[in-house]
Amino acid sequence: LFRSPKLKILPNVIACSAVISACENGNQWPETLNLLGTIPRMKIKSDRIAYGAAMIACGKSSLWNAAVGLVSDMHKLSIKANAASYNAGASACEKGVEW
Protein backbone atom coordinates (compact mmCIF):
# COMPACT_ATOMS: atom_id res chain seq x y z
CA LEU A 1 0.00 0.00 0.00
CA PHE A 2 2.63 2.53 1.03
CA ARG A 3 4.94 1.63 -1.86
CA SER A 4 2.60 2.89 -4.55
CA PRO A 5 4.35 5.62 -6.57
CA LYS A 6 1.01 7.33 -7.13
CA LEU A 7 0.56 7.96 -3.42
CA LYS A 8 2.23 11.03 -2.04
CA ILE A 9 1.78 9.87 1.54
CA LEU A 10 4.80 9.01 3.62
CA PRO A 11 3.99 6.19 5.98
CA ASN A 12 3.80 7.07 9.65
CA VAL A 13 2.22 5.47 12.66
CA ILE A 14 -1.05 7.35 12.14
CA ALA A 15 -1.42 6.17 8.54
CA CYS A 16 -0.45 2.61 9.49
CA SER A 17 -2.89 2.60 12.40
CA ALA A 18 -5.66 3.83 10.10
CA VAL A 19 -4.99 1.00 7.64
CA ILE A 20 -4.87 -1.54 10.49
CA SER A 21 -8.18 -0.22 11.80
CA ALA A 22 -9.72 -0.44 8.34
CA CYS A 23 -8.56 -4.06 8.04
CA GLU A 24 -9.92 -4.77 11.52
CA ASN A 25 -13.28 -3.30 10.55
CA GLY A 26 -13.27 -5.50 7.45
CA ASN A 27 -12.50 -8.63 9.50
CA GLN A 28 -9.14 -9.03 7.79
CA TRP A 29 -7.03 -10.20 10.73
CA PRO A 30 -4.17 -11.60 8.61
CA GLU A 31 -3.65 -8.19 7.05
CA THR A 32 -3.70 -6.45 10.43
CA LEU A 33 -0.97 -8.72 11.76
CA ASN A 34 1.00 -8.45 8.54
CA LEU A 35 0.96 -4.66 8.57
CA LEU A 36 1.73 -4.53 12.28
CA GLY A 37 4.79 -6.66 11.55
CA THR A 38 5.95 -4.38 8.73
CA ILE A 39 5.78 -1.18 10.77
CA PRO A 40 9.23 -1.65 12.37
CA ARG A 41 10.76 -2.43 8.96
CA MET A 42 9.51 0.97 7.79
CA LYS A 43 11.49 2.51 10.68
CA ILE A 44 8.25 3.57 12.37
CA LYS A 45 7.61 3.17 16.09
CA SER A 46 4.24 1.53 16.57
CA ASP A 47 1.74 2.61 19.20
CA ARG A 48 -1.05 1.19 21.31
CA ILE A 49 -3.68 2.27 18.79
CA ALA A 50 -2.19 0.03 16.10
CA TYR A 51 -1.80 -2.83 18.57
CA GLY A 52 -5.32 -2.33 19.92
CA ALA A 53 -6.84 -2.52 16.45
CA ALA A 54 -4.86 -5.68 15.73
CA MET A 55 -6.02 -7.21 19.02
CA ILE A 56 -9.64 -6.41 18.19
CA ALA A 57 -9.20 -8.06 14.79
CA CYS A 58 -7.77 -11.15 16.50
CA GLY A 59 -10.67 -11.17 18.94
CA LYS A 60 -13.23 -11.05 16.15
CA SER A 61 -11.63 -14.20 14.77
CA SER A 62 -11.31 -15.91 18.18
CA LEU A 63 -7.52 -15.74 17.97
CA TRP A 64 -7.09 -15.14 21.68
CA ASN A 65 -3.52 -16.44 21.72
CA ALA A 66 -2.44 -13.93 19.06
CA ALA A 67 -4.11 -11.09 20.99
CA VAL A 68 -2.37 -12.09 24.22
CA GLY A 69 0.90 -12.29 22.29
CA LEU A 70 0.36 -8.73 21.09
CA VAL A 71 -0.05 -7.52 24.68
CA SER A 72 3.24 -9.24 25.48
CA ASP A 73 4.87 -7.63 22.42
CA MET A 74 3.70 -4.21 23.58
CA HIS A 75 5.50 -4.71 26.88
CA LYS A 76 8.67 -5.90 25.14
CA LEU A 77 8.62 -2.83 22.89
CA SER A 78 7.91 -0.46 25.81
CA ILE A 79 4.56 0.53 24.32
CA LYS A 80 2.40 1.57 27.24
CA ALA A 81 -0.85 -0.33 27.27
CA ASN A 82 -3.96 1.36 28.56
CA ALA A 83 -7.38 0.11 29.64
CA ALA A 84 -8.52 -0.16 26.02
CA SER A 85 -5.49 -2.31 25.18
CA TYR A 86 -6.11 -4.70 28.03
CA ASN A 87 -9.83 -4.74 27.27
CA ALA A 88 -9.13 -5.74 23.65
CA GLY A 89 -6.93 -8.59 24.87
CA ALA A 90 -9.49 -9.71 27.45
CA SER A 91 -12.28 -9.52 24.89
CA ALA A 92 -10.30 -11.73 22.52
CA CYS A 93 -9.87 -14.28 25.31
CA GLU A 94 -13.58 -14.16 26.05
CA LYS A 95 -14.51 -14.70 22.40
CA GLY A 96 -11.99 -17.52 22.16
CA VAL A 97 -13.44 -19.09 25.34
CA GLU A 98 -10.10 -18.77 27.12
CA TRP A 99 -11.34 -16.68 30.02
PDB file of N, CA and C in Angstrom:
ATOM      1  N   LEU A   1       0.826  -1.205   0.000  1.00  0.00           N
ATOM      2  CA  LEU A   1       0.000   0.000   0.000  1.00  0.00           C
ATOM      3  C   LEU A   1       0.862   1.258   0.000  1.00  0.00           C
ATOM      4  N   PHE A   2       1.836   1.318   0.899  1.00  0.00           N
ATOM      5  CA  PHE A   2       2.630   2.531   1.028  1.00  0.00           C
ATOM      6  C   PHE A   2       3.737   2.626  -0.018  1.00  0.00           C
ATOM      7  N   ARG A   3       3.905   1.602  -0.838  1.00  0.00           N
ATOM      8  CA  ARG A   3       4.941   1.628  -1.865  1.00  0.00           C
ATOM      9  C   ARG A   3       4.428   2.172  -3.193  1.00  0.00           C
ATOM     10  N   SER A   4       3.168   2.433  -3.302  1.00  0.00           N
ATOM     11  CA  SER A   4       2.595   2.895  -4.548  1.00  0.00           C
ATOM     12  C   SER A   4       3.193   4.242  -4.943  1.00  0.00           C
ATOM     13  N   PRO A   5       3.764   4.350  -6.153  1.00  0.00           N
ATOM     14  CA  PRO A   5       4.354   5.624  -6.575  1.00  0.00           C
ATOM     15  C   PRO A   5       3.319   6.721  -6.779  1.00  0.00           C
ATOM     16  N   LYS A   6       2.047   6.331  -6.927  1.00  0.00           N
ATOM     17  CA  LYS A   6       1.007   7.332  -7.126  1.00  0.00           C
ATOM     18  C   LYS A   6       0.615   8.023  -5.828  1.00  0.00           C
ATOM     19  N   LEU A   7       0.885   7.364  -4.712  1.00  0.00           N
ATOM     20  CA  LEU A   7       0.560   7.956  -3.421  1.00  0.00           C
ATOM     21  C   LEU A   7       1.659   8.920  -3.000  1.00  0.00           C
ATOM     22  N   LYS A   8       1.264  10.033  -2.511  1.00  0.00           N
ATOM     23  CA  LYS A   8       2.226  11.025  -2.038  1.00  0.00           C
ATOM     24  C   LYS A   8       2.271  11.048  -0.515  1.00  0.00           C
ATOM     25  N   ILE A   9       1.851   9.947   0.085  1.00  0.00           N
ATOM     26  CA  ILE A   9       1.782   9.870   1.535  1.00  0.00           C
ATOM     27  C   ILE A   9       2.998   9.109   2.048  1.00  0.00           C
ATOM     28  N   LEU A  10       3.715   9.720   2.958  1.00  0.00           N
ATOM     29  CA  LEU A  10       4.797   9.013   3.618  1.00  0.00           C
ATOM     30  C   LEU A  10       4.195   8.222   4.771  1.00  0.00           C
ATOM     31  N   PRO A  11       4.565   6.981   4.886  1.00  0.00           N
ATOM     32  CA  PRO A  11       3.989   6.191   5.977  1.00  0.00           C
ATOM     33  C   PRO A  11       4.439   6.704   7.335  1.00  0.00           C
ATOM     34  N   ASN A  12       3.504   6.751   8.257  1.00  0.00           N
ATOM     35  CA  ASN A  12       3.798   7.074   9.651  1.00  0.00           C
ATOM     36  C   ASN A  12       2.863   6.235  10.496  1.00  0.00           C
ATOM     37  N   VAL A  13       3.016   6.322  11.792  1.00  0.00           N
ATOM     38  CA  VAL A  13       2.221   5.468  12.664  1.00  0.00           C
ATOM     39  C   VAL A  13       0.723   5.768  12.542  1.00  0.00           C
ATOM     40  N   ILE A  14       0.367   6.992  12.273  1.00  0.00           N
ATOM     41  CA  ILE A  14      -1.049   7.347  12.135  1.00  0.00           C
ATOM     42  C   ILE A  14      -1.644   6.694  10.887  1.00  0.00           C
ATOM     43  N   ALA A  15      -0.929   6.785   9.770  1.00  0.00           N
ATOM     44  CA  ALA A  15      -1.419   6.168   8.541  1.00  0.00           C
ATOM     45  C   ALA A  15      -1.493   4.652   8.686  1.00  0.00           C
ATOM     46  N   CYS A  16      -0.462   4.065   9.287  1.00  0.00           N
ATOM     47  CA  CYS A  16      -0.454   2.614   9.490  1.00  0.00           C
ATOM     48  C   CYS A  16      -1.585   2.184  10.412  1.00  0.00           C
ATOM     49  N   SER A  17      -1.808   2.930  11.476  1.00  0.00           N
ATOM     50  CA  SER A  17      -2.894   2.596  12.403  1.00  0.00           C
ATOM     51  C   SER A  17      -4.246   2.700  11.713  1.00  0.00           C
ATOM     52  N   ALA A  18      -4.401   3.679  10.838  1.00  0.00           N
ATOM     53  CA  ALA A  18      -5.660   3.830  10.101  1.00  0.00           C
ATOM     54  C   ALA A  18      -5.904   2.632   9.185  1.00  0.00           C
ATOM     55  N   VAL A  19      -4.850   2.162   8.520  1.00  0.00           N
ATOM     56  CA  VAL A  19      -4.995   0.995   7.641  1.00  0.00           C
ATOM     57  C   VAL A  19      -5.290  -0.252   8.478  1.00  0.00           C
ATOM     58  N   ILE A  20      -4.610  -0.402   9.609  1.00  0.00           N
ATOM     59  CA  ILE A  20      -4.867  -1.543  10.488  1.00  0.00           C
ATOM     60  C   ILE A  20      -6.311  -1.514  10.971  1.00  0.00           C
ATOM     61  N   SER A  21      -6.788  -0.344  11.355  1.00  0.00           N
ATOM     62  CA  SER A  21      -8.181  -0.216  11.801  1.00  0.00           C
ATOM     63  C   SER A  21      -9.158  -0.558  10.682  1.00  0.00           C
ATOM     64  N   ALA A  22      -8.851  -0.119   9.470  1.00  0.00           N
ATOM     65  CA  ALA A  22      -9.721  -0.443   8.339  1.00  0.00           C
ATOM     66  C   ALA A  22      -9.752  -1.950   8.097  1.00  0.00           C
ATOM     67  N   CYS A  23      -8.599  -2.595   8.193  1.00  0.00           N
ATOM     68  CA  CYS A  23      -8.559  -4.056   8.037  1.00  0.00           C
ATOM     69  C   CYS A  23      -9.325  -4.737   9.160  1.00  0.00           C
ATOM     70  N   GLU A  24      -9.172  -4.217  10.366  1.00  0.00           N
ATOM     71  CA  GLU A  24      -9.916  -4.772  11.518  1.00  0.00           C
ATOM     72  C   GLU A  24     -11.406  -4.659  11.290  1.00  0.00           C
ATOM     73  N   ASN A  25     -11.855  -3.499  10.810  1.00  0.00           N
ATOM     74  CA  ASN A  25     -13.281  -3.299  10.549  1.00  0.00           C
ATOM     75  C   ASN A  25     -13.789  -4.211   9.443  1.00  0.00           C
ATOM     76  N   GLY A  26     -12.896  -4.603   8.537  1.00  0.00           N
ATOM     77  CA  GLY A  26     -13.268  -5.504   7.452  1.00  0.00           C
ATOM     78  C   GLY A  26     -13.021  -6.962   7.778  1.00  0.00           C
ATOM     79  N   ASN A  27     -12.749  -7.248   9.050  1.00  0.00           N
ATOM     80  CA  ASN A  27     -12.496  -8.627   9.498  1.00  0.00           C
ATOM     81  C   ASN A  27     -11.351  -9.282   8.735  1.00  0.00           C
ATOM     82  N   GLN A  28     -10.309  -8.540   8.503  1.00  0.00           N
ATOM     83  CA  GLN A  28      -9.136  -9.030   7.785  1.00  0.00           C
ATOM     84  C   GLN A  28      -7.952  -9.169   8.739  1.00  0.00           C
ATOM     85  N   TRP A  29      -8.074 -10.084   9.710  1.00  0.00           N
ATOM     86  CA  TRP A  29      -7.034 -10.196  10.728  1.00  0.00           C
ATOM     87  C   TRP A  29      -5.661 -10.530  10.165  1.00  0.00           C
ATOM     88  N   PRO A  30      -5.534 -11.345   9.100  1.00  0.00           N
ATOM     89  CA  PRO A  30      -4.169 -11.602   8.613  1.00  0.00           C
ATOM     90  C   PRO A  30      -3.470 -10.322   8.155  1.00  0.00           C
ATOM     91  N   GLU A  31      -4.234  -9.440   7.525  1.00  0.00           N
ATOM     92  CA  GLU A  31      -3.647  -8.195   7.053  1.00  0.00           C
ATOM     93  C   GLU A  31      -3.261  -7.277   8.209  1.00  0.00           C
ATOM     94  N   THR A  32      -4.059  -7.295   9.282  1.00  0.00           N
ATOM     95  CA  THR A  32      -3.701  -6.451  10.429  1.00  0.00           C
ATOM     96  C   THR A  32      -2.387  -6.906  11.030  1.00  0.00           C
ATOM     97  N   LEU A  33      -2.215  -8.205  11.180  1.00  0.00           N
ATOM     98  CA  LEU A  33      -0.973  -8.718  11.759  1.00  0.00           C
ATOM     99  C   LEU A  33       0.201  -8.513  10.811  1.00  0.00           C
ATOM    100  N   ASN A  34      -0.052  -8.667   9.517  1.00  0.00           N
ATOM    101  CA  ASN A  34       1.001  -8.447   8.536  1.00  0.00           C
ATOM    102  C   ASN A  34       1.493  -6.999   8.578  1.00  0.00           C
ATOM    103  N   LEU A  35       0.565  -6.069   8.552  1.00  0.00           N
ATOM    104  CA  LEU A  35       0.964  -4.657   8.574  1.00  0.00           C
ATOM    105  C   LEU A  35       1.635  -4.303   9.899  1.00  0.00           C
ATOM    106  N   LEU A  36       1.108  -4.796  10.987  1.00  0.00           N
ATOM    107  CA  LEU A  36       1.728  -4.529  12.283  1.00  0.00           C
ATOM    108  C   LEU A  36       3.176  -5.011  12.284  1.00  0.00           C
ATOM    109  N   GLY A  37       3.431  -6.140  11.630  1.00  0.00           N
ATOM    110  CA  GLY A  37       4.793  -6.660  11.548  1.00  0.00           C
ATOM    111  C   GLY A  37       5.701  -5.868  10.626  1.00  0.00           C
ATOM    112  N   THR A  38       5.120  -5.165   9.658  1.00  0.00           N
ATOM    113  CA  THR A  38       5.948  -4.384   8.734  1.00  0.00           C
ATOM    114  C   THR A  38       6.278  -2.988   9.258  1.00  0.00           C
ATOM    115  N   ILE A  39       5.550  -2.527  10.245  1.00  0.00           N
ATOM    116  CA  ILE A  39       5.783  -1.176  10.768  1.00  0.00           C
ATOM    117  C   ILE A  39       7.237  -0.968  11.196  1.00  0.00           C
ATOM    118  N   PRO A  40       7.827  -1.869  11.978  1.00  0.00           N
ATOM    119  CA  PRO A  40       9.233  -1.649  12.367  1.00  0.00           C
ATOM    120  C   PRO A  40      10.194  -1.637  11.179  1.00  0.00           C
ATOM    121  N   ARG A  41       9.892  -2.418  10.150  1.00  0.00           N
ATOM    122  CA  ARG A  41      10.759  -2.432   8.965  1.00  0.00           C
ATOM    123  C   ARG A  41      10.695  -1.122   8.194  1.00  0.00           C
ATOM    124  N   MET A  42       9.623  -0.355   8.411  1.00  0.00           N
ATOM    125  CA  MET A  42       9.511   0.969   7.790  1.00  0.00           C
ATOM    126  C   MET A  42      10.142   2.037   8.670  1.00  0.00           C
ATOM    127  N   LYS A  43      10.827   1.595   9.735  1.00  0.00           N
ATOM    128  CA  LYS A  43      11.489   2.508  10.682  1.00  0.00           C
ATOM    129  C   LYS A  43      10.486   3.416  11.390  1.00  0.00           C
ATOM    130  N   ILE A  44       9.308   2.848  11.679  1.00  0.00           N
ATOM    131  CA  ILE A  44       8.248   3.574  12.374  1.00  0.00           C
ATOM    132  C   ILE A  44       8.035   2.906  13.723  1.00  0.00           C
ATOM    133  N   LYS A  45       7.910   3.708  14.769  1.00  0.00           N
ATOM    134  CA  LYS A  45       7.609   3.171  16.090  1.00  0.00           C
ATOM    135  C   LYS A  45       6.102   3.010  16.204  1.00  0.00           C
ATOM    136  N   SER A  46       5.671   1.805  16.465  1.00  0.00           N
ATOM    137  CA  SER A  46       4.241   1.532  16.567  1.00  0.00           C
ATOM    138  C   SER A  46       3.689   2.122  17.858  1.00  0.00           C
ATOM    139  N   ASP A  47       2.370   2.078  17.992  1.00  0.00           N
ATOM    140  CA  ASP A  47       1.736   2.610  19.197  1.00  0.00           C
ATOM    141  C   ASP A  47       0.593   1.698  19.630  1.00  0.00           C
ATOM    142  N   ARG A  48       0.010   2.042  20.761  1.00  0.00           N
ATOM    143  CA  ARG A  48      -1.045   1.188  21.312  1.00  0.00           C
ATOM    144  C   ARG A  48      -2.311   1.209  20.472  1.00  0.00           C
ATOM    145  N   ILE A  49      -2.506   2.226  19.662  1.00  0.00           N
ATOM    146  CA  ILE A  49      -3.681   2.268  18.787  1.00  0.00           C
ATOM    147  C   ILE A  49      -3.570   1.177  17.723  1.00  0.00           C
ATOM    148  N   ALA A  50      -2.408   1.066  17.115  1.00  0.00           N
ATOM    149  CA  ALA A  50      -2.189   0.030  16.104  1.00  0.00           C
ATOM    150  C   ALA A  50      -2.321  -1.355  16.733  1.00  0.00           C
ATOM    151  N   TYR A  51      -1.712  -1.535  17.900  1.00  0.00           N
ATOM    152  CA  TYR A  51      -1.801  -2.833  18.569  1.00  0.00           C
ATOM    153  C   TYR A  51      -3.226  -3.135  19.010  1.00  0.00           C
ATOM    154  N   GLY A  52      -3.936  -2.132  19.495  1.00  0.00           N
ATOM    155  CA  GLY A  52      -5.320  -2.334  19.920  1.00  0.00           C
ATOM    156  C   GLY A  52      -6.207  -2.776  18.771  1.00  0.00           C
ATOM    157  N   ALA A  53      -6.047  -2.145  17.621  1.00  0.00           N
ATOM    158  CA  ALA A  53      -6.843  -2.521  16.449  1.00  0.00           C
ATOM    159  C   ALA A  53      -6.524  -3.955  16.021  1.00  0.00           C
ATOM    160  N   ALA A  54      -5.245  -4.310  16.083  1.00  0.00           N
ATOM    161  CA  ALA A  54      -4.861  -5.679  15.729  1.00  0.00           C
ATOM    162  C   ALA A  54      -5.441  -6.681  16.730  1.00  0.00           C
ATOM    163  N   MET A  55      -5.445  -6.317  18.019  1.00  0.00           N
ATOM    164  CA  MET A  55      -6.023  -7.215  19.025  1.00  0.00           C
ATOM    165  C   MET A  55      -7.523  -7.380  18.816  1.00  0.00           C
ATOM    166  N   ILE A  56      -8.202  -6.321  18.457  1.00  0.00           N
ATOM    167  CA  ILE A  56      -9.639  -6.409  18.185  1.00  0.00           C
ATOM    168  C   ILE A  56      -9.887  -7.333  16.997  1.00  0.00           C
ATOM    169  N   ALA A  57      -9.062  -7.189  15.952  1.00  0.00           N
ATOM    170  CA  ALA A  57      -9.202  -8.065  14.787  1.00  0.00           C
ATOM    171  C   ALA A  57      -8.996  -9.521  15.175  1.00  0.00           C
ATOM    172  N   CYS A  58      -8.004  -9.775  16.031  1.00  0.00           N
ATOM    173  CA  CYS A  58      -7.772 -11.147  16.504  1.00  0.00           C
ATOM    174  C   CYS A  58      -8.963 -11.650  17.302  1.00  0.00           C
ATOM    175  N   GLY A  59      -9.521 -10.782  18.137  1.00  0.00           N
ATOM    176  CA  GLY A  59     -10.674 -11.169  18.942  1.00  0.00           C
ATOM    177  C   GLY A  59     -11.884 -11.519  18.102  1.00  0.00           C
ATOM    178  N   LYS A  60     -12.098 -10.768  17.034  1.00  0.00           N
ATOM    179  CA  LYS A  60     -13.231 -11.046  16.154  1.00  0.00           C
ATOM    180  C   LYS A  60     -13.106 -12.419  15.499  1.00  0.00           C
ATOM    181  N   SER A  61     -11.877 -12.898  15.385  1.00  0.00           N
ATOM    182  CA  SER A  61     -11.631 -14.202  14.765  1.00  0.00           C
ATOM    183  C   SER A  61     -11.303 -15.271  15.794  1.00  0.00           C
ATOM    184  N   SER A  62     -11.565 -14.976  17.070  1.00  0.00           N
ATOM    185  CA  SER A  62     -11.311 -15.910  18.177  1.00  0.00           C
ATOM    186  C   SER A  62      -9.848 -16.343  18.273  1.00  0.00           C
ATOM    187  N   LEU A  63      -8.956 -15.459  17.884  1.00  0.00           N
ATOM    188  CA  LEU A  63      -7.524 -15.738  17.967  1.00  0.00           C
ATOM    189  C   LEU A  63      -6.968 -15.154  19.266  1.00  0.00           C
ATOM    190  N   TRP A  64      -7.454 -15.684  20.372  1.00  0.00           N
ATOM    191  CA  TRP A  64      -7.092 -15.143  21.676  1.00  0.00           C
ATOM    192  C   TRP A  64      -5.592 -15.214  21.924  1.00  0.00           C
ATOM    193  N   ASN A  65      -4.948 -16.301  21.463  1.00  0.00           N
ATOM    194  CA  ASN A  65      -3.521 -16.444  21.720  1.00  0.00           C
ATOM    195  C   ASN A  65      -2.705 -15.375  20.991  1.00  0.00           C
ATOM    196  N   ALA A  66      -3.127 -14.998  19.796  1.00  0.00           N
ATOM    197  CA  ALA A  66      -2.445 -13.930  19.065  1.00  0.00           C
ATOM    198  C   ALA A  66      -2.638 -12.591  19.778  1.00  0.00           C
ATOM    199  N   ALA A  67      -3.839 -12.344  20.276  1.00  0.00           N
ATOM    200  CA  ALA A  67      -4.112 -11.092  20.992  1.00  0.00           C
ATOM    201  C   ALA A  67      -3.277 -10.993  22.265  1.00  0.00           C
ATOM    202  N   VAL A  68      -3.187 -12.089  23.003  1.00  0.00           N
ATOM    203  CA  VAL A  68      -2.369 -12.093  24.222  1.00  0.00           C
ATOM    204  C   VAL A  68      -0.894 -11.893  23.862  1.00  0.00           C
ATOM    205  N   GLY A  69      -0.470 -12.490  22.760  1.00  0.00           N
ATOM    206  CA  GLY A  69       0.899 -12.287  22.291  1.00  0.00           C
ATOM    207  C   GLY A  69       1.186 -10.838  21.948  1.00  0.00           C
ATOM    208  N   LEU A  70       0.182 -10.143  21.418  1.00  0.00           N
ATOM    209  CA  LEU A  70       0.358  -8.729  21.088  1.00  0.00           C
ATOM    210  C   LEU A  70       0.515  -7.883  22.352  1.00  0.00           C
ATOM    211  N   VAL A  71      -0.212  -8.228  23.408  1.00  0.00           N
ATOM    212  CA  VAL A  71      -0.049  -7.519  24.684  1.00  0.00           C
ATOM    213  C   VAL A  71       1.385  -7.720  25.181  1.00  0.00           C
ATOM    214  N   SER A  72       1.872  -8.938  25.072  1.00  0.00           N
ATOM    215  CA  SER A  72       3.244  -9.241  25.475  1.00  0.00           C
ATOM    216  C   SER A  72       4.244  -8.450  24.622  1.00  0.00           C
ATOM    217  N   ASP A  73       3.990  -8.396  23.317  1.00  0.00           N
ATOM    218  CA  ASP A  73       4.871  -7.632  22.423  1.00  0.00           C
ATOM    219  C   ASP A  73       4.903  -6.155  22.797  1.00  0.00           C
ATOM    220  N   MET A  74       3.749  -5.626  23.174  1.00  0.00           N
ATOM    221  CA  MET A  74       3.697  -4.213  23.582  1.00  0.00           C
ATOM    222  C   MET A  74       4.641  -3.969  24.752  1.00  0.00           C
ATOM    223  N   HIS A  75       4.620  -4.865  25.720  1.00  0.00           N
ATOM    224  CA  HIS A  75       5.496  -4.706  26.878  1.00  0.00           C
ATOM    225  C   HIS A  75       6.962  -4.791  26.470  1.00  0.00           C
ATOM    226  N   LYS A  76       7.286  -5.739  25.597  1.00  0.00           N
ATOM    227  CA  LYS A  76       8.674  -5.898  25.137  1.00  0.00           C
ATOM    228  C   LYS A  76       9.172  -4.660  24.396  1.00  0.00           C
ATOM    229  N   LEU A  77       8.261  -4.010  23.672  1.00  0.00           N
ATOM    230  CA  LEU A  77       8.620  -2.831  22.885  1.00  0.00           C
ATOM    231  C   LEU A  77       8.454  -1.524  23.664  1.00  0.00           C
ATOM    232  N   SER A  78       8.133  -1.635  24.938  1.00  0.00           N
ATOM    233  CA  SER A  78       7.909  -0.465  25.807  1.00  0.00           C
ATOM    234  C   SER A  78       6.786   0.428  25.298  1.00  0.00           C
ATOM    235  N   ILE A  79       5.767  -0.193  24.733  1.00  0.00           N
ATOM    236  CA  ILE A  79       4.563   0.532  24.323  1.00  0.00           C
ATOM    237  C   ILE A  79       3.598   0.431  25.494  1.00  0.00           C
ATOM    238  N   LYS A  80       3.242   1.563  26.051  1.00  0.00           N
ATOM    239  CA  LYS A  80       2.397   1.568  27.237  1.00  0.00           C
ATOM    240  C   LYS A  80       0.961   1.200  26.886  1.00  0.00           C
ATOM    241  N   ALA A  81       0.539   0.092  27.452  1.00  0.00           N
ATOM    242  CA  ALA A  81      -0.846  -0.334  27.267  1.00  0.00           C
ATOM    243  C   ALA A  81      -1.747   0.511  28.161  1.00  0.00           C
ATOM    244  N   ASN A  82      -2.974   0.654  27.744  1.00  0.00           N
ATOM    245  CA  ASN A  82      -3.959   1.356  28.564  1.00  0.00           C
ATOM    246  C   ASN A  82      -5.159   0.425  28.757  1.00  0.00           C
ATOM    247  N   ALA A  83      -6.189   0.932  29.362  1.00  0.00           N
ATOM    248  CA  ALA A  83      -7.376   0.114  29.637  1.00  0.00           C
ATOM    249  C   ALA A  83      -7.962  -0.458  28.351  1.00  0.00           C
ATOM    250  N   ALA A  84      -7.975   0.327  27.293  1.00  0.00           N
ATOM    251  CA  ALA A  84      -8.524  -0.159  26.021  1.00  0.00           C
ATOM    252  C   ALA A  84      -7.684  -1.310  25.472  1.00  0.00           C
ATOM    253  N   SER A  85      -6.372  -1.233  25.642  1.00  0.00           N
ATOM    254  CA  SER A  85      -5.488  -2.305  25.177  1.00  0.00           C
ATOM    255  C   SER A  85      -5.780  -3.596  25.919  1.00  0.00           C
ATOM    256  N   TYR A  86      -5.835  -3.501  27.237  1.00  0.00           N
ATOM    257  CA  TYR A  86      -6.111  -4.699  28.030  1.00  0.00           C
ATOM    258  C   TYR A  86      -7.526  -5.223  27.778  1.00  0.00           C
ATOM    259  N   ASN A  87      -8.463  -4.327  27.558  1.00  0.00           N
ATOM    260  CA  ASN A  87      -9.831  -4.743  27.266  1.00  0.00           C
ATOM    261  C   ASN A  87      -9.891  -5.511  25.943  1.00  0.00           C
ATOM    262  N   ALA A  88      -9.147  -5.037  24.940  1.00  0.00           N
ATOM    263  CA  ALA A  88      -9.130  -5.735  23.652  1.00  0.00           C
ATOM    264  C   ALA A  88      -8.566  -7.138  23.817  1.00  0.00           C
ATOM    265  N   GLY A  89      -7.508  -7.275  24.611  1.00  0.00           N
ATOM    266  CA  GLY A  89      -6.934  -8.591  24.868  1.00  0.00           C
ATOM    267  C   GLY A  89      -7.889  -9.488  25.636  1.00  0.00           C
ATOM    268  N   ALA A  90      -8.530  -8.930  26.660  1.00  0.00           N
ATOM    269  CA  ALA A  90      -9.488  -9.712  27.450  1.00  0.00           C
ATOM    270  C   ALA A  90     -10.695 -10.114  26.605  1.00  0.00           C
ATOM    271  N   SER A  91     -11.149  -9.217  25.759  1.00  0.00           N
ATOM    272  CA  SER A  91     -12.284  -9.517  24.891  1.00  0.00           C
ATOM    273  C   SER A  91     -11.947 -10.646  23.927  1.00  0.00           C
ATOM    274  N   ALA A  92     -10.721 -10.650  23.415  1.00  0.00           N
ATOM    275  CA  ALA A  92     -10.295 -11.728  22.520  1.00  0.00           C
ATOM    276  C   ALA A  92     -10.304 -13.061  23.259  1.00  0.00           C
ATOM    277  N   CYS A  93      -9.854 -13.046  24.503  1.00  0.00           N
ATOM    278  CA  CYS A  93      -9.868 -14.280  25.305  1.00  0.00           C
ATOM    279  C   CYS A  93     -11.304 -14.756  25.545  1.00  0.00           C
ATOM    280  N   GLU A  94     -12.176 -13.813  25.820  1.00  0.00           N
ATOM    281  CA  GLU A  94     -13.577 -14.158  26.051  1.00  0.00           C
ATOM    282  C   GLU A  94     -14.189 -14.789  24.806  1.00  0.00           C
ATOM    283  N   LYS A  95     -13.928 -14.186  23.650  1.00  0.00           N
ATOM    284  CA  LYS A  95     -14.506 -14.704  22.405  1.00  0.00           C
ATOM    285  C   LYS A  95     -13.891 -16.035  22.018  1.00  0.00           C
ATOM    286  N   GLY A  96     -12.651 -16.262  22.432  1.00  0.00           N
ATOM    287  CA  GLY A  96     -11.990 -17.522  22.164  1.00  0.00           C
ATOM    288  C   GLY A  96     -12.215 -18.545  23.254  1.00  0.00           C
ATOM    289  N   VAL A  97     -13.085 -18.235  24.201  1.00  0.00           N
ATOM    290  CA  VAL A  97     -13.442 -19.086  25.340  1.00  0.00           C
ATOM    291  C   VAL A  97     -12.191 -19.500  26.113  1.00  0.00           C
ATOM    292  N   GLU A  98     -11.306 -18.540  26.329  1.00  0.00           N
ATOM    293  CA  GLU A  98     -10.105 -18.765  27.123  1.00  0.00           C
ATOM    294  C   GLU A  98     -10.099 -17.783  28.282  1.00  0.00           C
ATOM    295  N   TRP A  99     -11.161 -17.655  28.947  1.00  0.00           N
ATOM    296  CA  TRP A  99     -11.339 -16.683  30.016  1.00  0.00           C
ATOM    297  C   TRP A  99     -10.932 -17.250  31.331  1.00  0.00           C
TER     298      TRP A  99
END
